[in-house]
Amino acid sequence: MSYKNDLGEEFFVEERVKTYEKDYFMSVKKSNVINKLCDIFESLESIQDKIHKKQILSNLDFPELEEKIQDLEIAIRDYEAYNREHD
């Protein structure tokens, strides 16, 4: 079975259906590939952000924080010693 388009070109129905099916499946495949690539790029951006944040934090120097940690360690030791003496 055939038909003519607006330009007067004759097409066979079976060929047209095959062309539409092929175009449809190709667009679905293309869409799936694009979605997977988007997922990969999002993952890469997330990993890159984490690495960047780690680099920033590892480059920072916290002398006051280190001092406070030492003070806390001393306070914990003193507290433990006090508890041992008064048990």
PDB file of N, CA and C in Angstrom:
ATOM      1  N   MET A   1       0.849  -1.174   0.000  1.00  0.00           N
ATOM      2  CA  MET A   1       0.000   0.000   0.000  1.00  0.00           C
ATOM      3  C   MET A   1       0.899   1.243   0.000  1.00  0.00           C
ATOM      4  N   SER A   2       0.524   2.246  -0.779  1.00  0.00           N
ATOM      5  CA  SER A   2       1.323   3.461  -0.852  1.00  0.00           C
ATOM      6  C   SER A   2       0.410   4.681  -0.754  1.00  0.00           C
ATOM      7  N   TYR A   3       1.038   5.802  -0.493  1.00  0.00           N
ATOM      8  CA  TYR A   3       0.299   7.066  -0.470  1.00  0.00           C
ATOM      9  C   TYR A   3       1.223   8.167  -0.947  1.00  0.00           C
ATOM     10  N   LYS A   4       0.634   9.336  -1.250  1.00  0.00           N
ATOM     11  CA  LYS A   4       1.431  10.466  -1.711  1.00  0.00           C
ATOM     12  C   LYS A   4       1.391  11.566  -0.659  1.00  0.00           C
ATOM     13  N   ASN A   5       2.557  12.195  -0.473  1.00  0.00           N
ATOM     14  CA  ASN A   5       2.606  13.305   0.475  1.00  0.00           C
ATOM     15  C   ASN A   5       2.222  14.601  -0.236  1.00  0.00           C
ATOM     16  N   ASP A   6       2.319  15.720   0.472  1.00  0.00           N
ATOM     17  CA  ASP A   6       1.930  17.020  -0.082  1.00  0.00           C
ATOM     18  C   ASP A   6       2.751  17.408  -1.308  1.00  0.00           C
ATOM     19  N   LEU A   7       3.961  16.868  -1.392  1.00  0.00           N
ATOM     20  CA  LEU A   7       4.828  17.178  -2.529  1.00  0.00           C
ATOM     21  C   LEU A   7       4.591  16.248  -3.710  1.00  0.00           C
ATOM     22  N   GLY A   8       3.661  15.316  -3.540  1.00  0.00           N
ATOM     23  CA  GLY A   8       3.362  14.383  -4.610  1.00  0.00           C
ATOM     24  C   GLY A   8       4.287  13.183  -4.652  1.00  0.00           C
ATOM     25  N   GLU A   9       5.132  13.051  -3.627  1.00  0.00           N
ATOM     26  CA  GLU A   9       6.041  11.916  -3.582  1.00  0.00           C
ATOM     27  C   GLU A   9       5.286  10.693  -3.072  1.00  0.00           C
ATOM     28  N   GLU A  10       5.539   9.552  -3.705  1.00  0.00           N
ATOM     29  CA  GLU A  10       4.858   8.333  -3.307  1.00  0.00           C
ATOM     30  C   GLU A  10       5.683   7.587  -2.258  1.00  0.00           C
ATOM     31  N   PHE A  11       5.011   7.165  -1.191  1.00  0.00           N
ATOM     32  CA  PHE A  11       5.649   6.405  -0.128  1.00  0.00           C
ATOM     33  C   PHE A  11       4.887   5.116   0.088  1.00  0.00           C
ATOM     34  N   PHE A  12       5.626   4.093   0.441  1.00  0.00           N
ATOM     35  CA  PHE A  12       4.997   2.843   0.809  1.00  0.00           C
ATOM     36  C   PHE A  12       4.824   2.828   2.323  1.00  0.00           C
ATOM     37  N   VAL A  13       3.665   2.363   2.752  1.00  0.00           N
ATOM     38  CA  VAL A  13       3.317   2.410   4.166  1.00  0.00           C
ATOM     39  C   VAL A  13       4.329   1.639   5.007  1.00  0.00           C
ATOM     40  N   GLU A  14       4.706   0.449   4.567  1.00  0.00           N
ATOM     41  CA  GLU A  14       5.648  -0.353   5.346  1.00  0.00           C
ATOM     42  C   GLU A  14       6.976   0.368   5.538  1.00  0.00           C
ATOM     43  N   GLU A  15       7.472   0.994   4.495  1.00  0.00           N
ATOM     44  CA  GLU A  15       8.738   1.722   4.594  1.00  0.00           C
ATOM     45  C   GLU A  15       8.604   2.902   5.557  1.00  0.00           C
ATOM     46  N   ARG A  16       7.468   3.570   5.464  1.00  0.00           N
ATOM     47  CA  ARG A  16       7.236   4.734   6.325  1.00  0.00           C
ATOM     48  C   ARG A  16       7.181   4.316   7.796  1.00  0.00           C
ATOM     49  N   VAL A  17       6.483   3.210   8.079  1.00  0.00           N
ATOM     50  CA  VAL A  17       6.375   2.708   9.445  1.00  0.00           C
ATOM     51  C   VAL A  17       7.756   2.312   9.953  1.00  0.00           C
ATOM     52  N   LYS A  18       8.531   1.634   9.125  1.00  0.00           N
ATOM     53  CA  LYS A  18       9.881   1.244   9.533  1.00  0.00           C
ATOM     54  C   LYS A  18      10.727   2.475   9.833  1.00  0.00           C
ATOM     55  N   THR A  19      10.589   3.514   9.008  1.00  0.00           N
ATOM     56  CA  THR A  19      11.332   4.753   9.225  1.00  0.00           C
ATOM     57  C   THR A  19      10.914   5.397  10.539  1.00  0.00           C
ATOM     58  N   TYR A  20       9.609   5.460  10.809  1.00  0.00           N
ATOM     59  CA  TYR A  20       9.130   6.035  12.075  1.00  0.00           C
ATOM     60  C   TYR A  20       9.618   5.220  13.271  1.00  0.00           C
ATOM     61  N   GLU A  21       9.540   3.872  13.167  1.00  0.00           N
ATOM     62  CA  GLU A  21      10.006   3.016  14.255  1.00  0.00           C
ATOM     63  C   GLU A  21      11.491   3.254  14.512  1.00  0.00           C
ATOM     64  N   LYS A  22      12.260   3.292  13.434  1.00  0.00           N
ATOM     65  CA  LYS A  22      13.700   3.501  13.573  1.00  0.00           C
ATOM     66  C   LYS A  22      13.970   4.859  14.225  1.00  0.00           C
ATOM     67  N   ASP A  23      13.292   5.909  13.743  1.00  0.00           N
ATOM     68  CA  ASP A  23      13.472   7.246  14.318  1.00  0.00           C
ATOM     69  C   ASP A  23      13.076   7.281  15.790  1.00  0.00           C
ATOM     70  N   TYR A  24      11.966   6.594  16.116  1.00  0.00           N
ATOM     71  CA  TYR A  24      11.496   6.569  17.499  1.00  0.00           C
ATOM     72  C   TYR A  24      12.523   5.882  18.395  1.00  0.00           C
ATOM     73  N   PHE A  25      12.966   4.693  17.995  1.00  0.00           N
ATOM     74  CA  PHE A  25      13.920   3.953  18.823  1.00  0.00           C
ATOM     75  C   PHE A  25      15.250   4.692  18.931  1.00  0.00           C
ATOM     76  N   MET A  26      15.653   5.360  17.878  1.00  0.00           N
ATOM     77  CA  MET A  26      16.893   6.131  17.937  1.00  0.00           C
ATOM     78  C   MET A  26      16.735   7.313  18.902  1.00  0.00           C
ATOM     79  N   SER A  27      15.572   7.948  18.891  1.00  0.00           N
ATOM     80  CA  SER A  27      15.366   9.080  19.809  1.00  0.00           C
ATOM     81  C   SER A  27      15.305   8.588  21.254  1.00  0.00           C
ATOM     82  N   VAL A  28      14.710   7.398  21.476  1.00  0.00           N
ATOM     83  CA  VAL A  28      14.668   6.830  22.827  1.00  0.00           C
ATOM     84  C   VAL A  28      16.082   6.494  23.285  1.00  0.00           C
ATOM     85  N   LYS A  29      16.862   5.868  22.415  1.00  0.00           N
ATOM     86  CA  LYS A  29      18.242   5.535  22.756  1.00  0.00           C
ATOM     87  C   LYS A  29      19.036   6.806  23.046  1.00  0.00           C
ATOM     88  N   LYS A  30      18.854   7.809  22.210  1.00  0.00           N
ATOM     89  CA  LYS A  30      19.565   9.080  22.405  1.00  0.00           C
ATOM     90  C   LYS A  30      19.171   9.701  23.739  1.00  0.00           C
ATOM     91  N   SER A  31      17.895   9.664  24.058  1.00  0.00           N
ATOM     92  CA  SER A  31      17.410  10.216  25.322  1.00  0.00           C
ATOM     93  C   SER A  31      18.008   9.464  26.503  1.00  0.00           C
ATOM     94  N   ASN A  32      18.055   8.140  26.414  1.00  0.00           N
ATOM     95  CA  ASN A  32      18.642   7.333  27.498  1.00  0.00           C
ATOM     96  C   ASN A  32      20.118   7.649  27.675  1.00  0.00           C
ATOM     97  N   VAL A  33      20.828   7.780  26.573  1.00  0.00           N
ATOM     98  CA  VAL A  33      22.253   8.103  26.638  1.00  0.00           C
ATOM     99  C   VAL A  33      22.454   9.478  27.260  1.00  0.00           C
ATOM    100  N   ILE A  34      21.641  10.441  26.866  1.00  0.00           N
ATOM    101  CA  ILE A  34      21.747  11.799  27.410  1.00  0.00           C
ATOM    102  C   ILE A  34      21.467  11.780  28.916  1.00  0.00           C
ATOM    103  N   ASN A  35      20.441  11.037  29.331  1.00  0.00           N
ATOM    104  CA  ASN A  35      20.125  10.952  30.766  1.00  0.00           C
ATOM    105  C   ASN A  35      21.273  10.324  31.549  1.00  0.00           C
ATOM    106  N   LYS A  36      21.861   9.262  31.009  1.00  0.00           N
ATOM    107  CA  LYS A  36      22.981   8.614  31.698  1.00  0.00           C
ATOM    108  C   LYS A  36      24.189   9.548  31.766  1.00  0.00           C
ATOM    109  N   LEU A  37      24.441  10.278  30.695  1.00  0.00           N
ATOM    110  CA  LEU A  37      25.549  11.235  30.704  1.00  0.00           C
ATOM    111  C   LEU A  37      25.312  12.330  31.737  1.00  0.00           C
ATOM    112  N   CYS A  38      24.071  12.793  31.851  1.00  0.00           N
ATOM    113  CA  CYS A  38      23.742  13.812  32.855  1.00  0.00           C
ATOM    114  C   CYS A  38      24.003  13.266  34.265  1.00  0.00           C
ATOM    115  N   ASP A  39      23.604  12.017  34.503  1.00  0.00           N
ATOM    116  CA  ASP A  39      23.860  11.395  35.810  1.00  0.00           C
ATOM    117  C   ASP A  39      25.352  11.320  36.093  1.00  0.00           C
ATOM    118  N   ILE A  40      26.128  10.938  35.082  1.00  0.00           N
ATOM    119  CA  ILE A  40      27.584  10.835  35.247  1.00  0.00           C
ATOM    120  C   ILE A  40      28.172  12.210  35.544  1.00  0.00           C
ATOM    121  N   PHE A  41      27.744  13.229  34.805  1.00  0.00           N
ATOM    122  CA  PHE A  41      28.269  14.576  35.035  1.00  0.00           C
ATOM    123  C   PHE A  41      27.906  15.081  36.428  1.00  0.00           C
ATOM    124  N   GLU A  42      26.685  14.784  36.893  1.00  0.00           N
ATOM    125  CA  GLU A  42      26.295  15.187  38.247  1.00  0.00           C
ATOM    126  C   GLU A  42      27.170  14.504  39.290  1.00  0.00           C
ATOM    127  N   SER A  43      27.447  13.228  39.083  1.00  0.00           N
ATOM    128  CA  SER A  43      28.325  12.495  40.005  1.00  0.00           C
ATOM    129  C   SER A  43      29.720  13.087  40.005  1.00  0.00           C
ATOM    130  N   LEU A  44      30.222  13.400  38.821  1.00  0.00           N
ATOM    131  CA  LEU A  44      31.559  13.979  38.716  1.00  0.00           C
ATOM    132  C   LEU A  44      31.623  15.337  39.393  1.00  0.00           C
ATOM    133  N   GLU A  45      30.578  16.147  39.213  1.00  0.00           N
ATOM    134  CA  GLU A  45      30.547  17.456  39.862  1.00  0.00           C
ATOM    135  C   GLU A  45      30.528  17.296  41.379  1.00  0.00           C
ATOM    136  N   SER A  46      29.765  16.324  41.867  1.00  0.00           N
ATOM    137  CA  SER A  46      29.696  16.076  43.304  1.00  0.00           C
ATOM    138  C   SER A  46      31.062  15.654  43.839  1.00  0.00           C
ATOM    139  N   ILE A  47      31.715  14.754  43.138  1.00  0.00           N
ATOM    140  CA  ILE A  47      33.049  14.294  43.549  1.00  0.00           C
ATOM    141  C   ILE A  47      34.032  15.453  43.507  1.00  0.00           C
ATOM    142  N   GLN A  48      33.947  16.249  42.445  1.00  0.00           N
ATOM    143  CA  GLN A  48      34.851  17.393  42.303  1.00  0.00           C
ATOM    144  C   GLN A  48      34.631  18.393  43.433  1.00  0.00           C
ATOM    145  N   ASP A  49      33.371  18.636  43.801  1.00  0.00           N
ATOM    146  CA  ASP A  49      33.070  19.541  44.918  1.00  0.00           C
ATOM    147  C   ASP A  49      33.664  19.019  46.222  1.00  0.00           C
ATOM    148  N   LYS A  50      33.524  17.716  46.471  1.00  0.00           N
ATOM    149  CA  LYS A  50      34.063  17.130  47.698  1.00  0.00           C
ATOM    150  C   LYS A  50      35.582  17.257  47.742  1.00  0.00           C
ATOM    151  N   ILE A  51      36.221  16.984  46.616  1.00  0.00           N
ATOM    152  CA  ILE A  51      37.685  17.099  46.556  1.00  0.00           C
ATOM    153  C   ILE A  51      38.104  18.538  46.796  1.00  0.00           C
ATOM    154  N   HIS A  52      37.396  19.467  46.174  1.00  0.00           N
ATOM    155  CA  HIS A  52      37.724  20.891  46.326  1.00  0.00           C
ATOM    156  C   HIS A  52      37.579  21.320  47.788  1.00  0.00           C
ATOM    157  N   LYS A  53      36.494  20.896  48.427  1.00  0.00           N
ATOM    158  CA  LYS A  53      36.271  21.259  49.832  1.00  0.00           C
ATOM    159  C   LYS A  53      37.358  20.664  50.720  1.00  0.00           C
ATOM    160  N   LYS A  54      37.745  19.415  50.433  1.00  0.00           N
ATOM    161  CA  LYS A  54      38.809  18.783  51.220  1.00  0.00           C
ATOM    162  C   LYS A  54      40.124  19.532  51.055  1.00  0.00           C
ATOM    163  N   GLN A  55      40.418  19.949  49.822  1.00  0.00           N
ATOM    164  CA  GLN A  55      41.655  20.693  49.575  1.00  0.00           C
ATOM    165  C   GLN A  55      41.653  22.012  50.328  1.00  0.00           C
ATOM    166  N   ILE A  56      40.522  22.684  50.318  1.00  0.00           N
ATOM    167  CA  ILE A  56      40.423  23.964  51.033  1.00  0.00           C
ATOM    168  C   ILE A  56      40.652  23.739  52.522  1.00  0.00           C
ATOM    169  N   LEU A  57      39.979  22.730  53.088  1.00  0.00           N
ATOM    170  CA  LEU A  57      40.109  22.474  54.521  1.00  0.00           C
ATOM    171  C   LEU A  57      41.515  22.016  54.894  1.00  0.00           C
ATOM    172  N   SER A  58      42.150  21.244  54.021  1.00  0.00           N
ATOM    173  CA  SER A  58      43.493  20.770  54.353  1.00  0.00           C
ATOM    174  C   SER A  58      44.529  21.886  54.257  1.00  0.00           C
ATOM    175  N   ASN A  59      44.224  22.934  53.517  1.00  0.00           N
ATOM    176  CA  ASN A  59      45.160  24.053  53.374  1.00  0.00           C
ATOM    177  C   ASN A  59      44.996  25.095  54.479  1.00  0.00           C
ATOM    178  N   LEU A  60      43.928  25.006  55.253  1.00  0.00           N
ATOM    179  CA  LEU A  60      43.696  25.986  56.311  1.00  0.00           C
ATOM    180  C   LEU A  60      44.532  25.646  57.541  1.00  0.00           C
ATOM    181  N   ASP A  61      44.946  26.670  58.205  1.00  0.00           N
ATOM    182  CA  ASP A  61      45.713  26.499  59.440  1.00  0.00           C
ATOM    183  C   ASP A  61      44.867  27.049  60.584  1.00  0.00           C
ATOM    184  N   PHE A  62      44.673  26.236  61.604  1.00  0.00           N
ATOM    185  CA  PHE A  62      43.832  26.633  62.726  1.00  0.00           C
ATOM    186  C   PHE A  62      44.635  26.646  64.021  1.00  0.00           C
ATOM    187  N   PRO A  63      45.506  27.631  64.206  1.00  0.00           N
ATOM    188  CA  PRO A  63      46.302  27.621  65.446  1.00  0.00           C
ATOM    189  C   PRO A  63      45.428  27.739  66.691  1.00  0.00           C
ATOM    190  N   GLU A  64      44.365  28.560  66.638  1.00  0.00           N
ATOM    191  CA  GLU A  64      43.501  28.703  67.815  1.00  0.00           C
ATOM    192  C   GLU A  64      42.767  27.400  68.103  1.00  0.00           C
ATOM    193  N   LEU A  65      42.357  26.720  67.052  1.00  0.00           N
ATOM    194  CA  LEU A  65      41.652  25.463  67.226  1.00  0.00           C
ATOM    195  C   LEU A  65      42.578  24.413  67.835  1.00  0.00           C
ATOM    196  N   GLU A  66      43.799  24.365  67.372  1.00  0.00           N
ATOM    197  CA  GLU A  66      44.766  23.418  67.939  1.00  0.00           C
ATOM    198  C   GLU A  66      44.998  23.717  69.421  1.00  0.00           C
ATOM    199  N   GLU A  67      45.082  24.999  69.755  1.00  0.00           N
ATOM    200  CA  GLU A  67      45.249  25.400  71.159  1.00  0.00           C
ATOM    201  C   GLU A  67      44.066  24.932  71.997  1.00  0.00           C
ATOM    202  N   LYS A  68      42.848  25.116  71.487  1.00  0.00           N
ATOM    203  CA  LYS A  68      41.637  24.717  72.206  1.00  0.00           C
ATOM    204  C   LYS A  68      41.588  23.200  72.372  1.00  0.00           C
ATOM    205  N   ILE A  69      42.034  22.466  71.340  1.00  0.00           N
ATOM    206  CA  ILE A  69      42.065  21.004  71.442  1.00  0.00           C
ATOM    207  C   ILE A  69      43.030  20.582  72.541  1.00  0.00           C
ATOM    208  N   GLN A  70      44.187  21.217  72.589  1.00  0.00           N
ATOM    209  CA  GLN A  70      45.154  20.900  73.642  1.00  0.00           C
ATOM    210  C   GLN A  70      44.575  21.222  75.021  1.00  0.00           C
ATOM    211  N   ASP A  71      43.896  22.381  75.127  1.00  0.00           N
ATOM    212  CA  ASP A  71      43.264  22.746  76.400  1.00  0.00           C
ATOM    213  C   ASP A  71      42.221  21.702  76.803  1.00  0.00           C
ATOM    214  N   LEU A  72      41.434  21.233  75.826  1.00  0.00           N
ATOM    215  CA  LEU A  72      40.418  20.223  76.125  1.00  0.00           C
ATOM    216  C   LEU A  72      41.058  18.901  76.546  1.00  0.00           C
ATOM    217  N   GLU A  73      42.127  18.519  75.889  1.00  0.00           N
ATOM    218  CA  GLU A  73      42.822  17.286  76.264  1.00  0.00           C
ATOM    219  C   GLU A  73      43.332  17.374  77.700  1.00  0.00           C
ATOM    220  N   ILE A  74      43.885  18.521  78.061  1.00  0.00           N
ATOM    221  CA  ILE A  74      44.372  18.730  79.437  1.00  0.00           C
ATOM    222  C   ILE A  74      43.205  18.675  80.416  1.00  0.00           C
ATOM    223  N   ALA A  75      42.093  19.319  80.063  1.00  0.00           N
ATOM    224  CA  ALA A  75      40.921  19.330  80.939  1.00  0.00           C
ATOM    225  C   ALA A  75      40.372  17.916  81.110  1.00  0.00           C
ATOM    226  N   ILE A  76      40.372  17.126  80.062  1.00  0.00           N
ATOM    227  CA  ILE A  76      39.886  15.735  80.156  1.00  0.00           C
ATOM    228  C   ILE A  76      40.795  14.928  81.075  1.00  0.00           C
ATOM    229  N   ARG A  77      42.119  15.083  80.904  1.00  0.00           N
ATOM    230  CA  ARG A  77      43.058  14.368  81.773  1.00  0.00           C
ATOM    231  C   ARG A  77      42.857  14.779  83.237  1.00  0.00           C
ATOM    232  N   ASP A  78      42.700  16.088  83.465  1.00  0.00           N
ATOM    233  CA  ASP A  78      42.483  16.566  84.837  1.00  0.00           C
ATOM    234  C   ASP A  78      41.179  16.003  85.410  1.00  0.00           C
ATOM    235  N   TYR A  79      40.145  15.976  84.613  1.00  0.00           N
ATOM    236  CA  TYR A  79      38.846  15.457  85.056  1.00  0.00           C
ATOM    237  C   TYR A  79      38.952  13.975  85.392  1.00  0.00           C
ATOM    238  N   GLU A  80      39.631  13.211  84.520  1.00  0.00           N
ATOM    239  CA  GLU A  80      39.807  11.781  84.781  1.00  0.00           C
ATOM    240  C   GLU A  80      40.630  11.556  86.050  1.00  0.00           C
ATOM    241  N   ALA A  81      41.678  12.353  86.238  1.00  0.00           N
ATOM    242  CA  ALA A  81      42.505  12.231  87.454  1.00  0.00           C
ATOM    243  C   ALA A  81      41.670  12.566  88.683  1.00  0.00           C
ATOM    244  N   TYR A  82      40.873  13.595  88.622  1.00  0.00           N
ATOM    245  CA  TYR A  82      40.017  13.996  89.745  1.00  0.00           C
ATOM    246  C   TYR A  82      39.048  12.860  90.087  1.00  0.00           C
ATOM    247  N   ASN A  83      38.441  12.278  89.048  1.00  0.00           N
ATOM    248  CA  ASN A  83      37.493  11.177  89.283  1.00  0.00           C
ATOM    249  C   ASN A  83      38.176   9.964  89.898  1.00  0.00           C
ATOM    250  N   ARG A  84      39.406   9.673  89.490  1.00  0.00           N
ATOM    251  CA  ARG A  84      40.136   8.539  90.074  1.00  0.00           C
ATOM    252  C   ARG A  84      40.432   8.787  91.562  1.00  0.00           C
ATOM    253  N   GLU A  85      40.771  10.015  91.879  1.00  0.00           N
ATOM    254  CA  GLU A  85      41.095  10.345  93.272  1.00  0.00           C
ATOM    255  C   GLU A  85      39.868  10.302  94.175  1.00  0.00           C
ATOM    256  N   HIS A  86      38.721  10.665  93.632  1.00  0.00           N
ATOM    257  CA  HIS A  86      37.519  10.765  94.462  1.00  0.00           C
ATOM    258  C   HIS A  86      36.574   9.566  94.316  1.00  0.00           C
ATOM    259  N   ASP A  87      37.020   8.502  93.720  1.00  0.00           N
ATOM    260  CA  ASP A  87      36.172   7.297  93.624  1.00  0.00           C
ATOM    261  C   ASP A  87      36.330   6.396  94.791  1.00  0.00           C
TER     262      ASP A  87
END
